[in-house]
């Protein structure tokens, strides 16, 4: 029996972003569970202070234990990818395989770190709705449908300001995981939108070169949220991965 699939969402939304993927995997007989990271959706805020990727990893590992999932295929997109990479370093035995989508191993640049601080101030003063409005032009390809933009606005507006500011701190202060890529031994798939301006295809090619035996696939026409912009192509990539020998 194949390992269950566990999916970790991007910032600043929640597990609802994975509904199309969970449906596609379930239709092929897979167990698929999307988790809310601490402070997002229905999940309580993390207790670790200061907030960190390890706080998210703690919560994911607790969820795996609660679900009695000894080993999983772990999927992480953007923030979820940062968490998946950290979990791969801390608990490699829990991973049967790994899917990293629209993410990066490198730490934030000084400019990106400063931007996280500015975004914290924006959320505190004007709320999550103001942040998603600022982010949308960078998250999606220009031709993404207005219905998707409206969905993202609604999801982001429902998140707690505290959960979002925690995540901004955790992302700002995360370390550089590039040197750890070579230690990943489980089968690894990297997916990226061809038009991802935040974590572009070139970064995924470099990560793939560092992870022995990995596969890199580009989702044509998609920006940073490739699973939402091109769900059929993204699902096909996951299902091909699940059917590999």
C-alpha atoms as a PDB file:
ATOM      1  CA  UNK A   1       0.000   0.000   0.000  1.00  0.00           C
ATOM      2  CA  UNK A   2       1.354   3.432  -0.935  1.00  0.00           C
ATOM      3  CA  UNK A   3       2.327   6.015   1.645  1.00  0.00           C
ATOM      4  CA  UNK A   4      -0.333   8.590   2.502  1.00  0.00           C
ATOM      5  CA  UNK A   5       0.102  12.064   1.051  1.00  0.00           C
ATOM      6  CA  UNK A   6       0.351  15.083   3.351  1.00  0.00           C
ATOM      7  CA  UNK A   7       0.151  18.556   1.809  1.00  0.00           C
ATOM      8  CA  UNK A   8       1.428  21.816   3.347  1.00  0.00           C
ATOM      9  CA  UNK A   9      -0.008  25.098   2.125  1.00  0.00           C
ATOM     10  CA  UNK A  10       1.525  28.377   1.008  1.00  0.00           C
ATOM     11  CA  UNK A  11       1.445  31.798   2.658  1.00  0.00           C
ATOM     12  CA  UNK A  12      -0.925  33.513   3.479  1.00  0.00           C
ATOM     13  CA  UNK A  13      -3.726  30.979   2.970  1.00  0.00           C
ATOM     14  CA  UNK A  14      -4.643  27.570   4.398  1.00  0.00           C
ATOM     15  CA  UNK A  15      -5.257  23.941   3.526  1.00  0.00           C
ATOM     16  CA  UNK A  16      -8.209  24.767   1.257  1.00  0.00           C
ATOM     17  CA  UNK A  17      -5.724  25.547  -1.514  1.00  0.00           C
ATOM     18  CA  UNK A  18      -5.132  21.785  -1.896  1.00  0.00           C
ATOM     19  CA  UNK A  19      -8.735  20.676  -2.466  1.00  0.00           C
ATOM     20  CA  UNK A  20      -8.235  19.850  -6.167  1.00  0.00           C
ATOM     21  CA  UNK A  21      -5.088  17.860  -5.430  1.00  0.00           C
ATOM     22  CA  UNK A  22      -6.646  15.896  -2.568  1.00  0.00           C
ATOM     23  CA  UNK A  23      -9.626  15.073  -4.784  1.00  0.00           C
ATOM     24  CA  UNK A  24      -7.416  13.894  -7.655  1.00  0.00           C
ATOM     25  CA  UNK A  25      -5.245  11.754  -5.385  1.00  0.00           C
ATOM     26  CA  UNK A  26      -8.250  10.229  -3.624  1.00  0.00           C
ATOM     27  CA  UNK A  27      -9.788   9.353  -6.996  1.00  0.00           C
ATOM     28  CA  UNK A  28      -6.705   7.214  -7.656  1.00  0.00           C
ATOM     29  CA  UNK A  29      -7.005   5.451  -4.316  1.00  0.00           C
ATOM     30  CA  UNK A  30      -4.490   7.482  -2.335  1.00  0.00           C
ATOM     31  CA  UNK A  31      -4.980   8.775   1.190  1.00  0.00           C
ATOM     32  CA  UNK A  32      -4.402  12.540   1.011  1.00  0.00           C
ATOM     33  CA  UNK A  33      -4.551  14.976   3.928  1.00  0.00           C
ATOM     34  CA  UNK A  34      -3.977  18.724   3.735  1.00  0.00           C
ATOM     35  CA  UNK A  35      -2.896  20.299   7.022  1.00  0.00           C
ATOM     36  CA  UNK A  36      -3.337  23.813   8.369  1.00  0.00           C
ATOM     37  CA  UNK A  37       0.002  25.103   9.608  1.00  0.00           C
ATOM     38  CA  UNK A  38      -0.073  26.733  13.080  1.00  0.00           C
ATOM     39  CA  UNK A  39      -1.918  30.045  13.054  1.00  0.00           C
ATOM     40  CA  UNK A  40      -3.684  29.373   9.737  1.00  0.00           C
ATOM     41  CA  UNK A  41      -7.167  28.054   9.069  1.00  0.00           C
ATOM     42  CA  UNK A  42      -8.424  26.101  12.062  1.00  0.00           C
ATOM     43  CA  UNK A  43      -4.982  25.484  13.593  1.00  0.00           C
ATOM     44  CA  UNK A  44      -4.007  27.230  16.829  1.00  0.00           C
ATOM     45  CA  UNK A  45      -1.096  29.625  16.840  1.00  0.00           C
ATOM     46  CA  UNK A  46       2.311  28.023  17.438  1.00  0.00           C
ATOM     47  CA  UNK A  47       3.617  28.111  20.991  1.00  0.00           C
ATOM     48  CA  UNK A  48       7.304  28.306  20.069  1.00  0.00           C
ATOM     49  CA  UNK A  49       8.790  31.744  20.723  1.00  0.00           C
ATOM     50  CA  UNK A  50      10.115  33.314  18.618  1.00  0.00           C
ATOM     51  CA  UNK A  51       8.108  31.812  15.749  1.00  0.00           C
ATOM     52  CA  UNK A  52      10.228  29.545  13.549  1.00  0.00           C
ATOM     53  CA  UNK A  53      10.076  26.877  10.885  1.00  0.00           C
ATOM     54  CA  UNK A  54      10.791  24.369  13.636  1.00  0.00           C
ATOM     55  CA  UNK A  55       7.514  25.364  15.277  1.00  0.00           C
ATOM     56  CA  UNK A  56       5.706  24.383  12.086  1.00  0.00           C
ATOM     57  CA  UNK A  57       7.695  21.140  11.841  1.00  0.00           C
ATOM     58  CA  UNK A  58       6.786  20.283  15.441  1.00  0.00           C
ATOM     59  CA  UNK A  59       3.107  20.679  14.561  1.00  0.00           C
ATOM     60  CA  UNK A  60       3.358  18.620  11.368  1.00  0.00           C
ATOM     61  CA  UNK A  61       5.135  15.778  13.152  1.00  0.00           C
ATOM     62  CA  UNK A  62       2.470  15.845  15.880  1.00  0.00           C
ATOM     63  CA  UNK A  63      -0.212  15.621  13.197  1.00  0.00           C
ATOM     64  CA  UNK A  64       1.518  12.659  11.551  1.00  0.00           C
ATOM     65  CA  UNK A  65       1.613  10.907  14.921  1.00  0.00           C
ATOM     66  CA  UNK A  66      -2.065  11.689  15.580  1.00  0.00           C
ATOM     67  CA  UNK A  67      -2.980  10.299  12.152  1.00  0.00           C
ATOM     68  CA  UNK A  68      -0.765   7.230  12.736  1.00  0.00           C
ATOM     69  CA  UNK A  69       1.183   8.046   9.562  1.00  0.00           C
ATOM     70  CA  UNK A  70       4.602   6.510  10.068  1.00  0.00           C
ATOM     71  CA  UNK A  71       5.889   7.468   6.610  1.00  0.00           C
ATOM     72  CA  UNK A  72       4.380   9.868   4.050  1.00  0.00           C
ATOM     73  CA  UNK A  73       4.771  11.551   0.718  1.00  0.00           C
ATOM     74  CA  UNK A  74       5.152  15.158   1.852  1.00  0.00           C
ATOM     75  CA  UNK A  75       4.146  17.993  -0.482  1.00  0.00           C
ATOM     76  CA  UNK A  76       4.980  21.616   0.327  1.00  0.00           C
ATOM     77  CA  UNK A  77       4.414  24.736  -1.751  1.00  0.00           C
ATOM     78  CA  UNK A  78       6.163  28.041  -0.952  1.00  0.00           C
ATOM     79  CA  UNK A  79       6.003  28.346   2.873  1.00  0.00           C
ATOM     80  CA  UNK A  80       4.937  24.698   2.922  1.00  0.00           C
ATOM     81  CA  UNK A  81       8.090  23.889   0.980  1.00  0.00           C
ATOM     82  CA  UNK A  82      10.277  25.636   3.546  1.00  0.00           C
ATOM     83  CA  UNK A  83       8.624  23.526   6.243  1.00  0.00           C
ATOM     84  CA  UNK A  84       8.978  20.331   4.205  1.00  0.00           C
ATOM     85  CA  UNK A  85      12.694  20.950   3.700  1.00  0.00           C
ATOM     86  CA  UNK A  86      13.194  21.523   7.414  1.00  0.00           C
ATOM     87  CA  UNK A  87      11.251  18.367   8.252  1.00  0.00           C
ATOM     88  CA  UNK A  88      13.354  16.395   5.754  1.00  0.00           C
ATOM     89  CA  UNK A  89      16.439  17.455   7.691  1.00  0.00           C
ATOM     90  CA  UNK A  90      14.992  16.722  11.128  1.00  0.00           C
ATOM     91  CA  UNK A  91      13.046  13.518  10.478  1.00  0.00           C
ATOM     92  CA  UNK A  92      14.140  11.946   7.182  1.00  0.00           C
ATOM     93  CA  UNK A  93      12.755   8.571   8.219  1.00  0.00           C
ATOM     94  CA  UNK A  94       9.199   9.942   8.074  1.00  0.00           C
ATOM     95  CA  UNK A  95       9.462  10.640   4.337  1.00  0.00           C
ATOM     96  CA  UNK A  96       8.845   8.042   1.670  1.00  0.00           C
ATOM     97  CA  UNK A  97       9.126  10.777  -0.938  1.00  0.00           C
ATOM     98  CA  UNK A  98       9.105  14.555  -1.146  1.00  0.00           C
ATOM     99  CA  UNK A  99       7.466  17.088  -3.465  1.00  0.00           C
ATOM    100  CA  UNK A 100       8.740  20.667  -3.345  1.00  0.00           C
ATOM    101  CA  UNK A 101       6.697  23.193  -5.313  1.00  0.00           C
ATOM    102  CA  UNK A 102       7.348  26.881  -5.987  1.00  0.00           C
ATOM    103  CA  UNK A 103       9.757  27.216  -3.084  1.00  0.00           C
ATOM    104  CA  UNK A 104      13.462  27.714  -2.413  1.00  0.00           C
ATOM    105  CA  UNK A 105      16.268  26.429  -0.231  1.00  0.00           C
ATOM    106  CA  UNK A 106      18.092  29.761   0.077  1.00  0.00           C
ATOM    107  CA  UNK A 107      17.507  32.138   2.980  1.00  0.00           C
ATOM    108  CA  UNK A 108      15.925  35.549   2.483  1.00  0.00           C
ATOM    109  CA  UNK A 109      18.076  38.259   0.979  1.00  0.00           C
ATOM    110  CA  UNK A 110      18.518  41.453   3.032  1.00  0.00           C
ATOM    111  CA  UNK A 111      15.905  43.104   0.810  1.00  0.00           C
ATOM    112  CA  UNK A 112      13.447  40.258   1.341  1.00  0.00           C
ATOM    113  CA  UNK A 113      14.019  40.333   5.101  1.00  0.00           C
ATOM    114  CA  UNK A 114      13.246  44.043   5.139  1.00  0.00           C
ATOM    115  CA  UNK A 115      10.110  43.366   3.116  1.00  0.00           C
ATOM    116  CA  UNK A 116       8.906  40.864   5.715  1.00  0.00           C
ATOM    117  CA  UNK A 117       9.172  43.551   8.391  1.00  0.00           C
ATOM    118  CA  UNK A 118       7.228  46.017   6.247  1.00  0.00           C
ATOM    119  CA  UNK A 119       4.540  43.399   5.674  1.00  0.00           C
ATOM    120  CA  UNK A 120       4.258  42.768   9.403  1.00  0.00           C
ATOM    121  CA  UNK A 121       3.526  46.447   9.872  1.00  0.00           C
ATOM    122  CA  UNK A 122       0.977  46.368   7.049  1.00  0.00           C
ATOM    123  CA  UNK A 123      -0.893  43.430   8.601  1.00  0.00           C
ATOM    124  CA  UNK A 124      -0.885  45.032  12.054  1.00  0.00           C
ATOM    125  CA  UNK A 125      -2.179  48.344  10.739  1.00  0.00           C
ATOM    126  CA  UNK A 126      -4.547  47.283   7.961  1.00  0.00           C
ATOM    127  CA  UNK A 127      -5.079  43.536   8.308  1.00  0.00           C
ATOM    128  CA  UNK A 128      -4.547  40.469   6.115  1.00  0.00           C
ATOM    129  CA  UNK A 129      -6.745  41.812   3.316  1.00  0.00           C
ATOM    130  CA  UNK A 130      -4.253  44.625   2.673  1.00  0.00           C
ATOM    131  CA  UNK A 131      -1.373  42.156   2.521  1.00  0.00           C
ATOM    132  CA  UNK A 132      -2.977  39.844  -0.036  1.00  0.00           C
ATOM    133  CA  UNK A 133      -3.822  42.835  -2.206  1.00  0.00           C
ATOM    134  CA  UNK A 134      -0.145  43.784  -2.203  1.00  0.00           C
ATOM    135  CA  UNK A 135       0.962  40.220  -2.907  1.00  0.00           C
ATOM    136  CA  UNK A 136      -1.479  39.192  -5.647  1.00  0.00           C
ATOM    137  CA  UNK A 137       0.454  40.658  -8.614  1.00  0.00           C
ATOM    138  CA  UNK A 138       3.439  38.525  -7.600  1.00  0.00           C
ATOM    139  CA  UNK A 139       1.548  35.331  -6.749  1.00  0.00           C
ATOM    140  CA  UNK A 140      -0.258  34.761 -10.043  1.00  0.00           C
ATOM    141  CA  UNK A 141       0.444  34.986 -13.735  1.00  0.00           C
ATOM    142  CA  UNK A 142      -1.107  38.140 -15.255  1.00  0.00           C
ATOM    143  CA  UNK A 143      -3.821  36.195 -17.089  1.00  0.00           C
ATOM    144  CA  UNK A 144      -5.000  34.306 -14.000  1.00  0.00           C
ATOM    145  CA  UNK A 145      -8.797  34.513 -13.764  1.00  0.00           C
ATOM    146  CA  UNK A 146     -10.437  37.097 -11.562  1.00  0.00           C
ATOM    147  CA  UNK A 147     -12.350  34.301  -9.824  1.00  0.00           C
ATOM    148  CA  UNK A 148      -9.062  32.906  -8.509  1.00  0.00           C
ATOM    149  CA  UNK A 149      -7.979  36.328  -7.320  1.00  0.00           C
ATOM    150  CA  UNK A 150     -11.299  36.696  -5.494  1.00  0.00           C
ATOM    151  CA  UNK A 151     -10.864  33.294  -3.855  1.00  0.00           C
ATOM    152  CA  UNK A 152      -7.369  34.172  -2.641  1.00  0.00           C
ATOM    153  CA  UNK A 153      -8.604  37.495  -1.274  1.00  0.00           C
ATOM    154  CA  UNK A 154     -11.332  35.701   0.668  1.00  0.00           C
ATOM    155  CA  UNK A 155      -9.038  33.004   2.055  1.00  0.00           C
ATOM    156  CA  UNK A 156      -6.341  35.446   3.117  1.00  0.00           C
ATOM    157  CA  UNK A 157      -8.831  37.816   4.739  1.00  0.00           C
ATOM    158  CA  UNK A 158     -10.017  34.957   6.979  1.00  0.00           C
ATOM    159  CA  UNK A 159      -6.550  34.299   8.442  1.00  0.00           C
ATOM    160  CA  UNK A 160      -5.564  35.679  11.822  1.00  0.00           C
ATOM    161  CA  UNK A 161      -3.180  38.654  11.825  1.00  0.00           C
ATOM    162  CA  UNK A 162      -1.139  36.906  14.522  1.00  0.00           C
ATOM    163  CA  UNK A 163      -0.734  33.758  12.429  1.00  0.00           C
ATOM    164  CA  UNK A 164       0.421  35.818   9.457  1.00  0.00           C
ATOM    165  CA  UNK A 165       2.904  37.895  11.435  1.00  0.00           C
ATOM    166  CA  UNK A 166       4.286  34.720  13.027  1.00  0.00           C
ATOM    167  CA  UNK A 167       4.852  33.289   9.559  1.00  0.00           C
ATOM    168  CA  UNK A 168       6.544  36.457   8.349  1.00  0.00           C
ATOM    169  CA  UNK A 169       9.007  36.219  11.243  1.00  0.00           C
ATOM    170  CA  UNK A 170       9.614  32.506  10.695  1.00  0.00           C
ATOM    171  CA  UNK A 171      10.272  33.020   6.987  1.00  0.00           C
ATOM    172  CA  UNK A 172      12.476  36.042   7.595  1.00  0.00           C
ATOM    173  CA  UNK A 173      14.685  34.236  10.092  1.00  0.00           C
ATOM    174  CA  UNK A 174      14.895  30.807   8.444  1.00  0.00           C
ATOM    175  CA  UNK A 175      18.379  29.575   7.653  1.00  0.00           C
ATOM    176  CA  UNK A 176      19.853  28.702   4.285  1.00  0.00           C
ATOM    177  CA  UNK A 177      19.006  25.054   3.535  1.00  0.00           C
ATOM    178  CA  UNK A 178      21.042  24.834   0.335  1.00  0.00           C
ATOM    179  CA  UNK A 179      23.880  22.824   1.888  1.00  0.00           C
ATOM    180  CA  UNK A 180      21.377  20.292   3.243  1.00  0.00           C
ATOM    181  CA  UNK A 181      19.903  19.440  -0.159  1.00  0.00           C
ATOM    182  CA  UNK A 182      22.606  16.888  -0.833  1.00  0.00           C
ATOM    183  CA  UNK A 183      21.587  14.953   2.267  1.00  0.00           C
ATOM    184  CA  UNK A 184      18.065  14.283   0.950  1.00  0.00           C
ATOM    185  CA  UNK A 185      17.888  10.609   0.077  1.00  0.00           C
ATOM    186  CA  UNK A 186      14.193  10.029  -0.564  1.00  0.00           C
ATOM    187  CA  UNK A 187      12.785  10.339  -4.104  1.00  0.00           C
ATOM    188  CA  UNK A 188      12.111  14.031  -4.724  1.00  0.00           C
ATOM    189  CA  UNK A 189       9.980  15.867  -7.281  1.00  0.00           C
ATOM    190  CA  UNK A 190      10.308  19.617  -7.815  1.00  0.00           C
ATOM    191  CA  UNK A 191       7.421  21.490  -9.457  1.00  0.00           C
ATOM    192  CA  UNK A 192       7.446  25.148 -10.478  1.00  0.00           C
ATOM    193  CA  UNK A 193       5.287  27.484 -12.480  1.00  0.00           C
ATOM    194  CA  UNK A 194       6.998  28.622 -15.669  1.00  0.00           C
ATOM    195  CA  UNK A 195       6.031  32.196 -14.784  1.00  0.00           C
ATOM    196  CA  UNK A 196       6.852  32.032 -11.080  1.00  0.00           C
ATOM    197  CA  UNK A 197       8.522  35.376 -10.376  1.00  0.00           C
ATOM    198  CA  UNK A 198       9.077  34.701  -6.656  1.00  0.00           C
ATOM    199  CA  UNK A 199      10.873  31.334  -6.824  1.00  0.00           C
ATOM    200  CA  UNK A 200      11.657  30.970 -10.541  1.00  0.00           C
ATOM    201  CA  UNK A 201      12.383  27.783 -12.492  1.00  0.00           C
ATOM    202  CA  UNK A 202      16.140  28.400 -12.441  1.00  0.00           C
ATOM    203  CA  UNK A 203      16.160  28.031  -8.650  1.00  0.00           C
ATOM    204  CA  UNK A 204      14.320  24.723  -8.898  1.00  0.00           C
ATOM    205  CA  UNK A 205      16.773  23.482 -11.512  1.00  0.00           C
ATOM    206  CA  UNK A 206      19.614  24.292  -9.110  1.00  0.00           C
ATOM    207  CA  UNK A 207      17.860  22.511  -6.250  1.00  0.00           C
ATOM    208  CA  UNK A 208      17.229  19.528  -8.465  1.00  0.00           C
ATOM    209  CA  UNK A 209      20.888  19.368  -9.408  1.00  0.00           C
ATOM    210  CA  UNK A 210      21.772  19.210  -5.712  1.00  0.00           C
ATOM    211  CA  UNK A 211      19.282  16.444  -4.806  1.00  0.00           C
ATOM    212  CA  UNK A 212      20.448  13.098  -6.169  1.00  0.00           C
ATOM    213  CA  UNK A 213      17.967  11.411  -8.489  1.00  0.00           C
ATOM    214  CA  UNK A 214      15.359  14.183  -8.270  1.00  0.00           C
ATOM    215  CA  UNK A 215      13.009  15.201 -11.063  1.00  0.00           C
ATOM    216  CA  UNK A 216      12.134  18.789 -12.002  1.00  0.00           C
ATOM    217  CA  UNK A 217       8.932  19.629 -13.894  1.00  0.00           C
ATOM    218  CA  UNK A 218       7.781  23.055 -15.060  1.00  0.00           C
ATOM    219  CA  UNK A 219       4.061  23.882 -15.051  1.00  0.00           C
ATOM    220  CA  UNK A 220       3.483  25.944 -18.174  1.00  0.00           C
ATOM    221  CA  UNK A 221       1.445  29.132 -17.879  1.00  0.00           C
ATOM    222  CA  UNK A 222       1.476  29.183 -14.077  1.00  0.00           C
ATOM    223  CA  UNK A 223       2.920  31.684 -11.648  1.00  0.00           C
ATOM    224  CA  UNK A 224       3.863  31.090  -8.005  1.00  0.00           C
ATOM    225  CA  UNK A 225       0.645  29.306  -6.997  1.00  0.00           C
ATOM    226  CA  UNK A 226       0.967  26.718  -9.735  1.00  0.00           C
ATOM    227  CA  UNK A 227      -1.411  24.184  -8.182  1.00  0.00           C
ATOM    228  CA  UNK A 228      -4.239  26.746  -8.203  1.00  0.00           C
ATOM    229  CA  UNK A 229      -3.509  28.297 -11.588  1.00  0.00           C
ATOM    230  CA  UNK A 230      -3.005  25.037 -13.498  1.00  0.00           C
ATOM    231  CA  UNK A 231      -4.583  22.352 -11.295  1.00  0.00           C
ATOM    232  CA  UNK A 232      -4.916  19.757 -14.051  1.00  0.00           C
ATOM    233  CA  UNK A 233      -1.239  19.986 -15.023  1.00  0.00           C
ATOM    234  CA  UNK A 234      -0.170  19.995 -11.376  1.00  0.00           C
ATOM    235  CA  UNK A 235      -2.371  16.983 -10.586  1.00  0.00           C
ATOM    236  CA  UNK A 236      -1.046  15.107 -13.614  1.00  0.00           C
ATOM    237  CA  UNK A 237       2.500  15.661 -12.345  1.00  0.00           C
ATOM    238  CA  UNK A 238       1.580  14.308  -8.910  1.00  0.00           C
ATOM    239  CA  UNK A 239      -0.183  11.277 -10.354  1.00  0.00           C
ATOM    240  CA  UNK A 240       2.723  10.474 -12.667  1.00  0.00           C
ATOM    241  CA  UNK A 241       4.988  10.730  -9.649  1.00  0.00           C
ATOM    242  CA  UNK A 242       2.760   8.393  -7.653  1.00  0.00           C
ATOM    243  CA  UNK A 243       2.852   5.823 -10.483  1.00  0.00           C
ATOM    244  CA  UNK A 244       6.624   5.776 -10.919  1.00  0.00           C
ATOM    245  CA  UNK A 245       8.260   2.331 -10.669  1.00  0.00           C
END
